[in-house]
């Protein structure tokens, strides 16, 4: 029996499917081009907003319940898969060290991932859980949005003088929590329904403005003009925070026109975190295999890696989904 979804749910299905497709494509570009992927215009566009889009969707869909059980539920959904995939990927990526019986590298690797999830683990799962924890304890405040923004500003200020506070996902929290708040705000006030046509045009103009200025690793130039070194970090921070916002607003507005879905979109929507967790190995493997047959990294290689990784990731997720115990451990559901 097929359950009819509400119109707005179709839109979220499309957004989640779109986001995960962009993630696989982005990693196909990144792993293929290695040293100069930041110069690829498609990669730059994808990376300017795709992770904020995931976080924003999470904020839009959040339903925390009334008790601490919510945090345990999210722990099983996010942290247990994070830990297990960390171990699996460590065995995969460090196989040469292990082949040489260098087992001591694993504890150091795990400690590094715990301290800085962005350096080796499935950091999105960890970051989303940290965001959920902060949200859970702040949500009851009458001044929720003001208090939340204040916490983010305070975190930026503290880490400016004490960089060690960026450890254990707090650095990721300060970066992504604003987009989670945006998702909450969009849902609470149904902002996407209120965006008018002239505002869409304005958002497109603003989006282009920020896309030109955005750089993944910061920049010493703004629209071709050099920036004084002392101002560079401030400029890069402002641009990095604001660049995804018009894109997210436009995407949520477009999602309102999605009145139907299909089996592919719904599957990707339901299995978003599963695809995220399991696609890396296939991207990495096929980049490695093609590197011995294609001397010059090209758009053809990227396309092959992207398509093959998608198909094999689908097969991997579908296979794991057939074993409930394994699915629960690796995918949290």
C-alpha atoms as a PDB file:
ATOM      1  CA  UNK A   1       0.000   0.000   0.000  1.00  0.00           C
ATOM      2  CA  UNK A   2       1.401   3.388  -1.016  1.00  0.00           C
ATOM      3  CA  UNK A   3       1.006   6.203   1.477  1.00  0.00           C
ATOM      4  CA  UNK A   4       0.196   9.602   0.021  1.00  0.00           C
ATOM      5  CA  UNK A   5       2.548  12.302   1.226  1.00  0.00           C
ATOM      6  CA  UNK A   6       1.637  15.884   1.864  1.00  0.00           C
ATOM      7  CA  UNK A   7       2.702  18.324  -0.861  1.00  0.00           C
ATOM      8  CA  UNK A   8       5.407  19.857   1.331  1.00  0.00           C
ATOM      9  CA  UNK A   9       6.845  16.389   2.005  1.00  0.00           C
ATOM     10  CA  UNK A  10       7.371  15.854  -1.703  1.00  0.00           C
ATOM     11  CA  UNK A  11       9.457  19.015  -1.719  1.00  0.00           C
ATOM     12  CA  UNK A  12      11.620  17.762   1.146  1.00  0.00           C
ATOM     13  CA  UNK A  13      12.047  14.439  -0.672  1.00  0.00           C
ATOM     14  CA  UNK A  14      13.414  16.298  -3.687  1.00  0.00           C
ATOM     15  CA  UNK A  15      15.682  18.491  -1.566  1.00  0.00           C
ATOM     16  CA  UNK A  16      17.212  15.507   0.242  1.00  0.00           C
ATOM     17  CA  UNK A  17      17.677  13.581  -3.005  1.00  0.00           C
ATOM     18  CA  UNK A  18      19.226  16.628  -4.666  1.00  0.00           C
ATOM     19  CA  UNK A  19      21.589  17.184  -1.733  1.00  0.00           C
ATOM     20  CA  UNK A  20      22.887  13.609  -1.632  1.00  0.00           C
ATOM     21  CA  UNK A  21      23.381  13.498  -5.423  1.00  0.00           C
ATOM     22  CA  UNK A  22      25.450  16.684  -5.144  1.00  0.00           C
ATOM     23  CA  UNK A  23      27.507  15.122  -2.356  1.00  0.00           C
ATOM     24  CA  UNK A  24      28.447  12.073  -4.438  1.00  0.00           C
ATOM     25  CA  UNK A  25      29.240  14.277  -7.444  1.00  0.00           C
ATOM     26  CA  UNK A  26      31.306  16.641  -5.301  1.00  0.00           C
ATOM     27  CA  UNK A  27      33.392  13.788  -3.920  1.00  0.00           C
ATOM     28  CA  UNK A  28      33.825  12.315  -7.408  1.00  0.00           C
ATOM     29  CA  UNK A  29      35.302  15.650  -8.485  1.00  0.00           C
ATOM     30  CA  UNK A  30      37.392  16.043  -5.330  1.00  0.00           C
ATOM     31  CA  UNK A  31      38.898  12.540  -5.396  1.00  0.00           C
ATOM     32  CA  UNK A  32      39.510  12.695  -9.163  1.00  0.00           C
ATOM     33  CA  UNK A  33      41.195  16.087  -9.328  1.00  0.00           C
ATOM     34  CA  UNK A  34      43.005  15.774  -5.961  1.00  0.00           C
ATOM     35  CA  UNK A  35      45.297  18.815  -6.092  1.00  0.00           C
ATOM     36  CA  UNK A  36      43.211  21.325  -8.036  1.00  0.00           C
ATOM     37  CA  UNK A  37      39.571  20.440  -7.343  1.00  0.00           C
ATOM     38  CA  UNK A  38      38.999  23.916  -5.893  1.00  0.00           C
ATOM     39  CA  UNK A  39      39.459  25.338  -9.379  1.00  0.00           C
ATOM     40  CA  UNK A  40      36.537  23.285 -10.710  1.00  0.00           C
ATOM     41  CA  UNK A  41      33.492  25.560 -10.990  1.00  0.00           C
ATOM     42  CA  UNK A  42      30.985  22.758 -10.329  1.00  0.00           C
ATOM     43  CA  UNK A  43      32.875  21.661  -7.218  1.00  0.00           C
ATOM     44  CA  UNK A  44      33.010  25.250  -5.953  1.00  0.00           C
ATOM     45  CA  UNK A  45      29.277  25.686  -6.477  1.00  0.00           C
ATOM     46  CA  UNK A  46      28.392  22.390  -4.783  1.00  0.00           C
ATOM     47  CA  UNK A  47      30.638  22.930  -1.780  1.00  0.00           C
ATOM     48  CA  UNK A  48      29.397  26.450  -1.199  1.00  0.00           C
ATOM     49  CA  UNK A  49      26.019  25.186   0.030  1.00  0.00           C
ATOM     50  CA  UNK A  50      25.462  21.401  -0.016  1.00  0.00           C
ATOM     51  CA  UNK A  51      26.356  20.632   3.632  1.00  0.00           C
ATOM     52  CA  UNK A  52      24.437  23.687   4.917  1.00  0.00           C
ATOM     53  CA  UNK A  53      21.507  22.325   2.878  1.00  0.00           C
ATOM     54  CA  UNK A  54      21.631  18.998   4.754  1.00  0.00           C
ATOM     55  CA  UNK A  55      21.764  20.786   8.104  1.00  0.00           C
ATOM     56  CA  UNK A  56      18.981  23.192   7.106  1.00  0.00           C
ATOM     57  CA  UNK A  57      16.737  20.270   6.105  1.00  0.00           C
ATOM     58  CA  UNK A  58      17.486  18.645   9.478  1.00  0.00           C
ATOM     59  CA  UNK A  59      16.385  21.818  11.250  1.00  0.00           C
ATOM     60  CA  UNK A  60      13.254  21.959   9.119  1.00  0.00           C
ATOM     61  CA  UNK A  61      12.312  18.378  10.019  1.00  0.00           C
ATOM     62  CA  UNK A  62      13.372  18.351  13.683  1.00  0.00           C
ATOM     63  CA  UNK A  63      10.831  16.994  16.141  1.00  0.00           C
ATOM     64  CA  UNK A  64      12.645  16.530  19.455  1.00  0.00           C
ATOM     65  CA  UNK A  65       9.874  15.341  21.749  1.00  0.00           C
ATOM     66  CA  UNK A  66       9.719  16.290  25.394  1.00  0.00           C
ATOM     67  CA  UNK A  67      12.303  14.145  27.168  1.00  0.00           C
ATOM     68  CA  UNK A  68      15.930  13.127  27.123  1.00  0.00           C
ATOM     69  CA  UNK A  69      15.008  10.021  25.122  1.00  0.00           C
ATOM     70  CA  UNK A  70      15.332  12.171  22.005  1.00  0.00           C
ATOM     71  CA  UNK A  71      19.085  12.423  22.550  1.00  0.00           C
ATOM     72  CA  UNK A  72      19.400   8.650  22.951  1.00  0.00           C
ATOM     73  CA  UNK A  73      17.385   8.132  19.763  1.00  0.00           C
ATOM     74  CA  UNK A  74      19.681  10.517  17.889  1.00  0.00           C
ATOM     75  CA  UNK A  75      22.723   8.846  19.451  1.00  0.00           C
ATOM     76  CA  UNK A  76      21.648   5.513  17.949  1.00  0.00           C
ATOM     77  CA  UNK A  77      20.872   7.172  14.617  1.00  0.00           C
ATOM     78  CA  UNK A  78      24.070   9.216  14.342  1.00  0.00           C
ATOM     79  CA  UNK A  79      26.853   8.352  16.788  1.00  0.00           C
ATOM     80  CA  UNK A  80      26.765   4.544  16.712  1.00  0.00           C
ATOM     81  CA  UNK A  81      27.006   4.556  12.876  1.00  0.00           C
ATOM     82  CA  UNK A  82      29.717   7.227  13.157  1.00  0.00           C
ATOM     83  CA  UNK A  83      31.786   4.960  15.426  1.00  0.00           C
ATOM     84  CA  UNK A  84      31.304   1.806  13.362  1.00  0.00           C
ATOM     85  CA  UNK A  85      32.044   3.484  10.029  1.00  0.00           C
ATOM     86  CA  UNK A  86      35.102   5.107  11.607  1.00  0.00           C
ATOM     87  CA  UNK A  87      36.435   1.624  12.374  1.00  0.00           C
ATOM     88  CA  UNK A  88      35.491   0.210   8.960  1.00  0.00           C
ATOM     89  CA  UNK A  89      37.034   3.085   7.048  1.00  0.00           C
ATOM     90  CA  UNK A  90      40.174   2.992   9.185  1.00  0.00           C
ATOM     91  CA  UNK A  91      40.678  -0.638   8.155  1.00  0.00           C
ATOM     92  CA  UNK A  92      40.046   0.321   4.538  1.00  0.00           C
ATOM     93  CA  UNK A  93      42.178   3.459   4.249  1.00  0.00           C
ATOM     94  CA  UNK A  94      44.967   2.261   6.580  1.00  0.00           C
ATOM     95  CA  UNK A  95      45.196  -1.221   5.098  1.00  0.00           C
ATOM     96  CA  UNK A  96      48.838  -0.786   4.036  1.00  0.00           C
ATOM     97  CA  UNK A  97      49.875   0.145   7.582  1.00  0.00           C
ATOM     98  CA  UNK A  98      47.940  -2.819   8.934  1.00  0.00           C
ATOM     99  CA  UNK A  99      49.470  -5.105   6.320  1.00  0.00           C
ATOM    100  CA  UNK A 100      52.860  -4.051   7.700  1.00  0.00           C
ATOM    101  CA  UNK A 101      51.582  -4.841  11.212  1.00  0.00           C
ATOM    102  CA  UNK A 102      51.636  -1.196  12.233  1.00  0.00           C
ATOM    103  CA  UNK A 103      48.617  -1.619  14.522  1.00  0.00           C
ATOM    104  CA  UNK A 104      49.663   1.279  16.750  1.00  0.00           C
ATOM    105  CA  UNK A 105      48.443   3.707  14.115  1.00  0.00           C
ATOM    106  CA  UNK A 106      44.779   2.894  14.803  1.00  0.00           C
ATOM    107  CA  UNK A 107      44.457   4.304  18.374  1.00  0.00           C
ATOM    108  CA  UNK A 108      46.150   7.516  17.249  1.00  0.00           C
ATOM    109  CA  UNK A 109      43.846   7.712  14.241  1.00  0.00           C
ATOM    110  CA  UNK A 110      40.713   7.215  16.368  1.00  0.00           C
ATOM    111  CA  UNK A 111      41.855   9.862  18.860  1.00  0.00           C
ATOM    112  CA  UNK A 112      42.443  12.295  16.016  1.00  0.00           C
ATOM    113  CA  UNK A 113      38.952  11.658  14.631  1.00  0.00           C
ATOM    114  CA  UNK A 114      37.342  12.164  18.049  1.00  0.00           C
ATOM    115  CA  UNK A 115      39.196  15.432  18.528  1.00  0.00           C
ATOM    116  CA  UNK A 116      38.569  16.664  14.980  1.00  0.00           C
ATOM    117  CA  UNK A 117      35.754  14.690  13.304  1.00  0.00           C
ATOM    118  CA  UNK A 118      36.245  16.692  10.116  1.00  0.00           C
ATOM    119  CA  UNK A 119      39.683  15.136   9.621  1.00  0.00           C
ATOM    120  CA  UNK A 120      38.716  11.536   9.114  1.00  0.00           C
ATOM    121  CA  UNK A 121      35.318  10.448  10.327  1.00  0.00           C
ATOM    122  CA  UNK A 122      31.833  10.815   8.881  1.00  0.00           C
ATOM    123  CA  UNK A 123      31.900  14.249  10.441  1.00  0.00           C
ATOM    124  CA  UNK A 124      28.377  15.220   9.392  1.00  0.00           C
ATOM    125  CA  UNK A 125      26.887  12.579  11.718  1.00  0.00           C
ATOM    126  CA  UNK A 126      28.932  13.851  14.663  1.00  0.00           C
ATOM    127  CA  UNK A 127      28.235  17.504  13.849  1.00  0.00           C
ATOM    128  CA  UNK A 128      24.498  16.902  13.527  1.00  0.00           C
ATOM    129  CA  UNK A 129      24.411  15.186  16.905  1.00  0.00           C
ATOM    130  CA  UNK A 130      26.227  18.096  18.575  1.00  0.00           C
ATOM    131  CA  UNK A 131      23.733  20.445  16.915  1.00  0.00           C
ATOM    132  CA  UNK A 132      20.830  18.297  18.171  1.00  0.00           C
ATOM    133  CA  UNK A 133      22.190  18.393  21.733  1.00  0.00           C
ATOM    134  CA  UNK A 134      22.461  22.186  21.767  1.00  0.00           C
ATOM    135  CA  UNK A 135      19.040  22.536  20.161  1.00  0.00           C
ATOM    136  CA  UNK A 136      17.442  20.186  22.692  1.00  0.00           C
ATOM    137  CA  UNK A 137      18.596  22.250  25.665  1.00  0.00           C
ATOM    138  CA  UNK A 138      17.960  25.658  24.080  1.00  0.00           C
ATOM    139  CA  UNK A 139      14.576  24.997  22.437  1.00  0.00           C
ATOM    140  CA  UNK A 140      12.403  25.698  25.497  1.00  0.00           C
ATOM    141  CA  UNK A 141      13.674  29.238  25.872  1.00  0.00           C
ATOM    142  CA  UNK A 142      11.216  31.987  25.086  1.00  0.00           C
ATOM    143  CA  UNK A 143      14.052  33.702  23.255  1.00  0.00           C
ATOM    144  CA  UNK A 144      15.241  30.582  21.454  1.00  0.00           C
ATOM    145  CA  UNK A 145      16.566  32.237  18.279  1.00  0.00           C
ATOM    146  CA  UNK A 146      18.241  35.113  20.095  1.00  0.00           C
ATOM    147  CA  UNK A 147      19.821  32.768  22.621  1.00  0.00           C
ATOM    148  CA  UNK A 148      20.967  30.375  19.896  1.00  0.00           C
ATOM    149  CA  UNK A 149      22.599  33.136  17.866  1.00  0.00           C
ATOM    150  CA  UNK A 150      24.263  34.414  21.030  1.00  0.00           C
ATOM    151  CA  UNK A 151      25.724  30.952  21.683  1.00  0.00           C
ATOM    152  CA  UNK A 152      27.144  30.822  18.140  1.00  0.00           C
ATOM    153  CA  UNK A 153      28.661  34.312  18.445  1.00  0.00           C
ATOM    154  CA  UNK A 154      30.125  33.395  21.833  1.00  0.00           C
ATOM    155  CA  UNK A 155      31.592  30.198  20.372  1.00  0.00           C
ATOM    156  CA  UNK A 156      33.260  32.134  17.560  1.00  0.00           C
ATOM    157  CA  UNK A 157      34.662  34.617  20.069  1.00  0.00           C
ATOM    158  CA  UNK A 158      35.969  31.917  22.406  1.00  0.00           C
ATOM    159  CA  UNK A 159      37.596  29.850  19.662  1.00  0.00           C
ATOM    160  CA  UNK A 160      39.290  32.968  18.341  1.00  0.00           C
ATOM    161  CA  UNK A 161      41.306  33.145  21.567  1.00  0.00           C
ATOM    162  CA  UNK A 162      41.251  29.443  22.479  1.00  0.00           C
ATOM    163  CA  UNK A 163      41.466  27.356  19.265  1.00  0.00           C
ATOM    164  CA  UNK A 164      41.409  24.126  21.282  1.00  0.00           C
ATOM    165  CA  UNK A 165      37.672  24.730  21.825  1.00  0.00           C
ATOM    166  CA  UNK A 166      37.172  23.740  18.179  1.00  0.00           C
ATOM    167  CA  UNK A 167      37.811  20.135  19.201  1.00  0.00           C
ATOM    168  CA  UNK A 168      35.183  17.403  19.613  1.00  0.00           C
ATOM    169  CA  UNK A 169      32.794  18.897  17.072  1.00  0.00           C
ATOM    170  CA  UNK A 170      32.365  22.316  18.674  1.00  0.00           C
ATOM    171  CA  UNK A 171      34.098  23.927  15.715  1.00  0.00           C
ATOM    172  CA  UNK A 172      31.620  22.211  13.399  1.00  0.00           C
ATOM    173  CA  UNK A 173      28.746  23.276  15.645  1.00  0.00           C
ATOM    174  CA  UNK A 174      29.507  26.975  15.348  1.00  0.00           C
ATOM    175  CA  UNK A 175      29.729  26.673  11.550  1.00  0.00           C
ATOM    176  CA  UNK A 176      26.549  24.684  10.926  1.00  0.00           C
ATOM    177  CA  UNK A 177      24.149  25.528  13.739  1.00  0.00           C
ATOM    178  CA  UNK A 178      23.061  28.788  12.019  1.00  0.00           C
ATOM    179  CA  UNK A 179      21.764  26.765   9.055  1.00  0.00           C
ATOM    180  CA  UNK A 180      19.929  24.426  11.419  1.00  0.00           C
ATOM    181  CA  UNK A 181      18.296  27.512  12.934  1.00  0.00           C
ATOM    182  CA  UNK A 182      17.387  28.697   9.451  1.00  0.00           C
ATOM    183  CA  UNK A 183      15.612  25.384   8.841  1.00  0.00           C
ATOM    184  CA  UNK A 184      13.686  25.732  12.113  1.00  0.00           C
ATOM    185  CA  UNK A 185      12.754  29.289  11.160  1.00  0.00           C
ATOM    186  CA  UNK A 186      11.624  28.295   7.660  1.00  0.00           C
ATOM    187  CA  UNK A 187       9.356  25.603   9.083  1.00  0.00           C
ATOM    188  CA  UNK A 188       7.941  27.633  11.975  1.00  0.00           C
ATOM    189  CA  UNK A 189       7.005  30.663   9.885  1.00  0.00           C
ATOM    190  CA  UNK A 190       6.544  28.938   6.478  1.00  0.00           C
ATOM    191  CA  UNK A 191       8.928  31.449   4.932  1.00  0.00           C
ATOM    192  CA  UNK A 192       9.196  29.667   1.577  1.00  0.00           C
ATOM    193  CA  UNK A 193       5.483  30.243   0.926  1.00  0.00           C
ATOM    194  CA  UNK A 194       5.911  33.962   1.558  1.00  0.00           C
ATOM    195  CA  UNK A 195       8.785  34.615  -0.858  1.00  0.00           C
ATOM    196  CA  UNK A 196       7.447  36.711  -3.737  1.00  0.00           C
ATOM    197  CA  UNK A 197       8.636  36.723  -7.366  1.00  0.00           C
ATOM    198  CA  UNK A 198      10.613  39.945  -7.043  1.00  0.00           C
ATOM    199  CA  UNK A 199      12.289  38.526  -3.961  1.00  0.00           C
ATOM    200  CA  UNK A 200      13.289  35.438  -5.953  1.00  0.00           C
ATOM    201  CA  UNK A 201      15.033  37.716  -8.454  1.00  0.00           C
ATOM    202  CA  UNK A 202      16.747  39.559  -5.613  1.00  0.00           C
ATOM    203  CA  UNK A 203      17.888  36.263  -4.079  1.00  0.00           C
ATOM    204  CA  UNK A 204      19.358  35.177  -7.417  1.00  0.00           C
ATOM    205  CA  UNK A 205      21.331  38.425  -7.670  1.00  0.00           C
ATOM    206  CA  UNK A 206      22.595  38.059  -4.094  1.00  0.00           C
ATOM    207  CA  UNK A 207      23.437  34.401  -4.725  1.00  0.00           C
ATOM    208  CA  UNK A 208      25.569  35.283  -7.767  1.00  0.00           C
ATOM    209  CA  UNK A 209      27.283  38.054  -5.785  1.00  0.00           C
ATOM    210  CA  UNK A 210      28.322  35.683  -3.006  1.00  0.00           C
ATOM    211  CA  UNK A 211      29.218  32.807  -5.336  1.00  0.00           C
ATOM    212  CA  UNK A 212      31.766  35.043  -7.048  1.00  0.00           C
ATOM    213  CA  UNK A 213      33.281  35.992  -3.697  1.00  0.00           C
ATOM    214  CA  UNK A 214      33.195  32.548  -2.048  1.00  0.00           C
ATOM    215  CA  UNK A 215      36.282  30.371  -1.595  1.00  0.00           C
ATOM    216  CA  UNK A 216      36.344  27.082   0.317  1.00  0.00           C
ATOM    217  CA  UNK A 217      39.643  27.785   2.056  1.00  0.00           C
ATOM    218  CA  UNK A 218      39.417  31.561   2.321  1.00  0.00           C
ATOM    219  CA  UNK A 219      40.864  34.060  -0.114  1.00  0.00           C
ATOM    220  CA  UNK A 220      43.131  37.056  -0.207  1.00  0.00           C
ATOM    221  CA  UNK A 221      41.044  38.510  -3.024  1.00  0.00           C
ATOM    222  CA  UNK A 222      37.544  39.932  -3.198  1.00  0.00           C
ATOM    223  CA  UNK A 223      36.195  40.139  -6.749  1.00  0.00           C
ATOM    224  CA  UNK A 224      39.766  40.299  -8.036  1.00  0.00           C
ATOM    225  CA  UNK A 225      40.869  42.997  -5.599  1.00  0.00           C
ATOM    226  CA  UNK A 226      43.495  42.197  -2.934  1.00  0.00           C
ATOM    227  CA  UNK A 227      42.451  42.284   0.718  1.00  0.00           C
ATOM    228  CA  UNK A 228      44.657  43.422   3.567  1.00  0.00           C
ATOM    229  CA  UNK A 229      45.879  40.386   5.494  1.00  0.00           C
ATOM    230  CA  UNK A 230      44.350  41.538   8.801  1.00  0.00           C
ATOM    231  CA  UNK A 231      40.898  41.750   7.226  1.00  0.00           C
ATOM    232  CA  UNK A 232      41.093  38.524   5.239  1.00  0.00           C
ATOM    233  CA  UNK A 233      39.815  36.148   7.923  1.00  0.00           C
ATOM    234  CA  UNK A 234      36.881  38.426   8.793  1.00  0.00           C
ATOM    235  CA  UNK A 235      35.936  38.837   5.144  1.00  0.00           C
ATOM    236  CA  UNK A 236      36.219  35.089   4.466  1.00  0.00           C
ATOM    237  CA  UNK A 237      34.115  34.270   7.533  1.00  0.00           C
ATOM    238  CA  UNK A 238      31.290  36.637   6.569  1.00  0.00           C
ATOM    239  CA  UNK A 239      31.225  35.396   2.984  1.00  0.00           C
ATOM    240  CA  UNK A 240      31.368  31.742   4.057  1.00  0.00           C
ATOM    241  CA  UNK A 241      28.445  32.149   6.463  1.00  0.00           C
ATOM    242  CA  UNK A 242      26.212  34.135   4.115  1.00  0.00           C
ATOM    243  CA  UNK A 243      26.893  32.434   0.764  1.00  0.00           C
ATOM    244  CA  UNK A 244      24.591  29.410   1.351  1.00  0.00           C
ATOM    245  CA  UNK A 245      21.647  31.486   2.613  1.00  0.00           C
ATOM    246  CA  UNK A 246      20.178  32.755  -0.704  1.00  0.00           C
ATOM    247  CA  UNK A 247      20.720  29.311  -2.263  1.00  0.00           C
ATOM    248  CA  UNK A 248      18.853  27.611   0.589  1.00  0.00           C
ATOM    249  CA  UNK A 249      15.974  30.070   0.404  1.00  0.00           C
ATOM    250  CA  UNK A 250      15.689  29.583  -3.356  1.00  0.00           C
ATOM    251  CA  UNK A 251      15.776  25.790  -3.061  1.00  0.00           C
ATOM    252  CA  UNK A 252      13.096  25.729  -0.378  1.00  0.00           C
ATOM    253  CA  UNK A 253      10.996  28.057  -2.516  1.00  0.00           C
ATOM    254  CA  UNK A 254      11.409  25.760  -5.532  1.00  0.00           C
ATOM    255  CA  UNK A 255      10.536  22.739  -3.397  1.00  0.00           C
ATOM    256  CA  UNK A 256       7.045  24.171  -2.921  1.00  0.00           C
ATOM    257  CA  UNK A 257       6.350  23.468  -6.588  1.00  0.00           C
ATOM    258  CA  UNK A 258       7.136  19.745  -6.227  1.00  0.00           C
ATOM    259  CA  UNK A 259       3.685  18.162  -6.135  1.00  0.00           C
ATOM    260  CA  UNK A 260       4.738  14.603  -6.846  1.00  0.00           C
ATOM    261  CA  UNK A 261       7.688  12.314  -6.326  1.00  0.00           C
ATOM    262  CA  UNK A 262       8.986   9.043  -7.765  1.00  0.00           C
ATOM    263  CA  UNK A 263      10.511   5.850  -6.448  1.00  0.00           C
ATOM    264  CA  UNK A 264      14.112   7.005  -7.033  1.00  0.00           C
ATOM    265  CA  UNK A 265      13.652  10.320  -5.250  1.00  0.00           C
ATOM    266  CA  UNK A 266      11.820   8.702  -2.348  1.00  0.00           C
ATOM    267  CA  UNK A 267      14.502   6.014  -2.000  1.00  0.00           C
ATOM    268  CA  UNK A 268      17.272   8.628  -1.934  1.00  0.00           C
ATOM    269  CA  UNK A 269      15.302  10.688   0.573  1.00  0.00           C
ATOM    270  CA  UNK A 270      14.773   7.759   2.942  1.00  0.00           C
ATOM    271  CA  UNK A 271      18.368   6.523   2.578  1.00  0.00           C
ATOM    272  CA  UNK A 272      20.202   9.852   2.594  1.00  0.00           C
ATOM    273  CA  UNK A 273      22.398   9.107   5.624  1.00  0.00           C
ATOM    274  CA  UNK A 274      23.002   5.564   4.363  1.00  0.00           C
ATOM    275  CA  UNK A 275      24.258   6.824   0.994  1.00  0.00           C
ATOM    276  CA  UNK A 276      26.392   9.409   2.782  1.00  0.00           C
ATOM    277  CA  UNK A 277      28.021   6.751   4.949  1.00  0.00           C
ATOM    278  CA  UNK A 278      28.742   4.175   2.257  1.00  0.00           C
ATOM    279  CA  UNK A 279      29.579   6.042  -0.958  1.00  0.00           C
ATOM    280  CA  UNK A 280      33.135   7.084  -0.043  1.00  0.00           C
ATOM    281  CA  UNK A 281      34.742   3.690  -0.581  1.00  0.00           C
ATOM    282  CA  UNK A 282      33.297   3.328  -4.078  1.00  0.00           C
ATOM    283  CA  UNK A 283      34.371   6.815  -5.139  1.00  0.00           C
ATOM    284  CA  UNK A 284      37.859   6.210  -3.757  1.00  0.00           C
ATOM    285  CA  UNK A 285      38.138   2.743  -5.317  1.00  0.00           C
ATOM    286  CA  UNK A 286      37.114   3.752  -8.832  1.00  0.00           C
ATOM    287  CA  UNK A 287      39.292   6.849  -8.846  1.00  0.00           C
ATOM    288  CA  UNK A 288      42.174   4.534  -7.949  1.00  0.00           C
ATOM    289  CA  UNK A 289      41.281   2.004 -10.669  1.00  0.00           C
ATOM    290  CA  UNK A 290      40.826   4.632 -13.371  1.00  0.00           C
ATOM    291  CA  UNK A 291      44.045   6.426 -12.458  1.00  0.00           C
ATOM    292  CA  UNK A 292      45.998   3.554 -14.015  1.00  0.00           C
ATOM    293  CA  UNK A 293      44.073   3.716 -17.298  1.00  0.00           C
ATOM    294  CA  UNK A 294      43.365   7.439 -17.727  1.00  0.00           C
ATOM    295  CA  UNK A 295      46.520   9.513 -17.530  1.00  0.00           C
ATOM    296  CA  UNK A 296      44.823  12.900 -17.547  1.00  0.00           C
ATOM    297  CA  UNK A 297      42.039  13.408 -15.028  1.00  0.00           C
ATOM    298  CA  UNK A 298      39.059  14.552 -17.066  1.00  0.00           C
ATOM    299  CA  UNK A 299      35.338  15.176 -17.008  1.00  0.00           C
ATOM    300  CA  UNK A 300      34.891  11.692 -18.489  1.00  0.00           C
ATOM    301  CA  UNK A 301      36.604  10.086 -15.500  1.00  0.00           C
ATOM    302  CA  UNK A 302      34.591  12.189 -13.068  1.00  0.00           C
ATOM    303  CA  UNK A 303      31.346  11.170 -14.785  1.00  0.00           C
ATOM    304  CA  UNK A 304      32.314   7.482 -14.736  1.00  0.00           C
ATOM    305  CA  UNK A 305      33.269   7.630 -11.061  1.00  0.00           C
ATOM    306  CA  UNK A 306      30.041   9.473 -10.210  1.00  0.00           C
ATOM    307  CA  UNK A 307      27.708   7.043 -12.001  1.00  0.00           C
ATOM    308  CA  UNK A 308      29.491   3.851 -10.929  1.00  0.00           C
ATOM    309  CA  UNK A 309      29.741   5.046  -7.312  1.00  0.00           C
ATOM    310  CA  UNK A 310      26.018   5.859  -7.279  1.00  0.00           C
ATOM    311  CA  UNK A 311      25.055   2.434  -8.635  1.00  0.00           C
ATOM    312  CA  UNK A 312      27.344   0.505  -6.288  1.00  0.00           C
ATOM    313  CA  UNK A 313      26.296   2.623  -3.324  1.00  0.00           C
ATOM    314  CA  UNK A 314      22.668   1.828  -4.135  1.00  0.00           C
ATOM    315  CA  UNK A 315      23.530  -1.894  -4.248  1.00  0.00           C
ATOM    316  CA  UNK A 316      25.457  -1.643  -0.964  1.00  0.00           C
ATOM    317  CA  UNK A 317      22.678   0.177   0.864  1.00  0.00           C
ATOM    318  CA  UNK A 318      19.993  -2.107  -0.579  1.00  0.00           C
ATOM    319  CA  UNK A 319      21.966  -5.157   0.548  1.00  0.00           C
ATOM    320  CA  UNK A 320      22.562  -3.848   4.066  1.00  0.00           C
ATOM    321  CA  UNK A 321      18.905  -2.838   4.360  1.00  0.00           C
ATOM    322  CA  UNK A 322      17.947  -6.510   3.965  1.00  0.00           C
ATOM    323  CA  UNK A 323      19.747  -7.400   7.219  1.00  0.00           C
ATOM    324  CA  UNK A 324      17.934  -5.502  10.027  1.00  0.00           C
ATOM    325  CA  UNK A 325      20.666  -5.902  12.655  1.00  0.00           C
ATOM    326  CA  UNK A 326      23.416  -4.668  10.348  1.00  0.00           C
ATOM    327  CA  UNK A 327      21.180  -1.886   9.044  1.00  0.00           C
ATOM    328  CA  UNK A 328      20.478  -0.694  12.573  1.00  0.00           C
ATOM    329  CA  UNK A 329      24.169  -0.667  13.480  1.00  0.00           C
ATOM    330  CA  UNK A 330      25.511   0.950  10.304  1.00  0.00           C
ATOM    331  CA  UNK A 331      22.587   3.183   9.351  1.00  0.00           C
ATOM    332  CA  UNK A 332      20.955   3.786  12.734  1.00  0.00           C
ATOM    333  CA  UNK A 333      17.476   2.681  11.703  1.00  0.00           C
END
